[in-house]
């Protein structure tokens, strides 16, 4: 995984966490799921 995509991923993660303050636990699970999907996509290249 490149450094740039990691930084972008982190920004997206923070943004999505800020958008979902209602259920912190749920949003945390969603973010992890989202991150693992992105990692899978990067590995497939």
Protein backbone atom coordinates (compact mmCIF):
# COMPACT_ATOMS: atom_id res chain seq x y z
CA UNK A 1 0.00 0.00 0.00
CA UNK A 2 1.40 3.38 -0.98
CA UNK A 3 1.91 6.17 1.53
CA UNK A 4 -0.45 8.52 -0.31
CA UNK A 5 -3.38 6.08 -0.32
CA UNK A 6 -2.84 5.42 3.39
CA UNK A 7 -3.06 9.14 4.16
CA UNK A 8 -6.16 9.53 2.00
CA UNK A 9 -7.71 6.52 3.69
CA UNK A 10 -7.04 8.04 7.10
CA UNK A 11 -8.68 11.33 6.06
CA UNK A 12 -11.74 9.45 4.76
CA UNK A 13 -11.93 7.47 7.98
CA UNK A 14 -11.84 10.59 10.14
CA UNK A 15 -14.45 12.23 7.93
CA UNK A 16 -16.83 9.26 8.12
CA UNK A 17 -16.37 9.02 11.89
CA UNK A 18 -17.28 12.69 12.26
CA UNK A 19 -20.39 12.12 10.14
CA UNK A 20 -21.60 9.26 12.35
CA UNK A 21 -21.38 10.48 15.92
CA UNK A 22 -24.82 9.03 16.74
CA UNK A 23 -23.57 5.43 17.07
CA UNK A 24 -19.80 5.45 17.71
CA UNK A 25 -19.52 1.69 18.10
CA UNK A 26 -21.45 1.01 14.91
CA UNK A 27 -19.51 3.59 12.90
CA UNK A 28 -16.25 2.12 14.22
CA UNK A 29 -17.24 -1.30 12.85
CA UNK A 30 -18.27 0.29 9.55
CA UNK A 31 -14.95 2.08 9.22
CA UNK A 32 -13.01 -1.14 9.83
CA UNK A 33 -15.13 -2.95 7.25
CA UNK A 34 -14.61 -0.08 4.81
CA UNK A 35 -10.85 -0.08 5.39
CA UNK A 36 -10.55 -3.82 4.87
CA UNK A 37 -12.50 -3.49 1.59
CA UNK A 38 -10.05 -0.83 0.40
CA UNK A 39 -7.08 -2.98 1.41
CA UNK A 40 -8.54 -5.90 -0.55
CA UNK A 41 -9.01 -3.67 -3.59
CA UNK A 42 -5.40 -2.44 -3.40
CA UNK A 43 -4.08 -6.00 -3.05
CA UNK A 44 -5.99 -7.13 -6.15
CA UNK A 45 -4.13 -4.66 -8.39
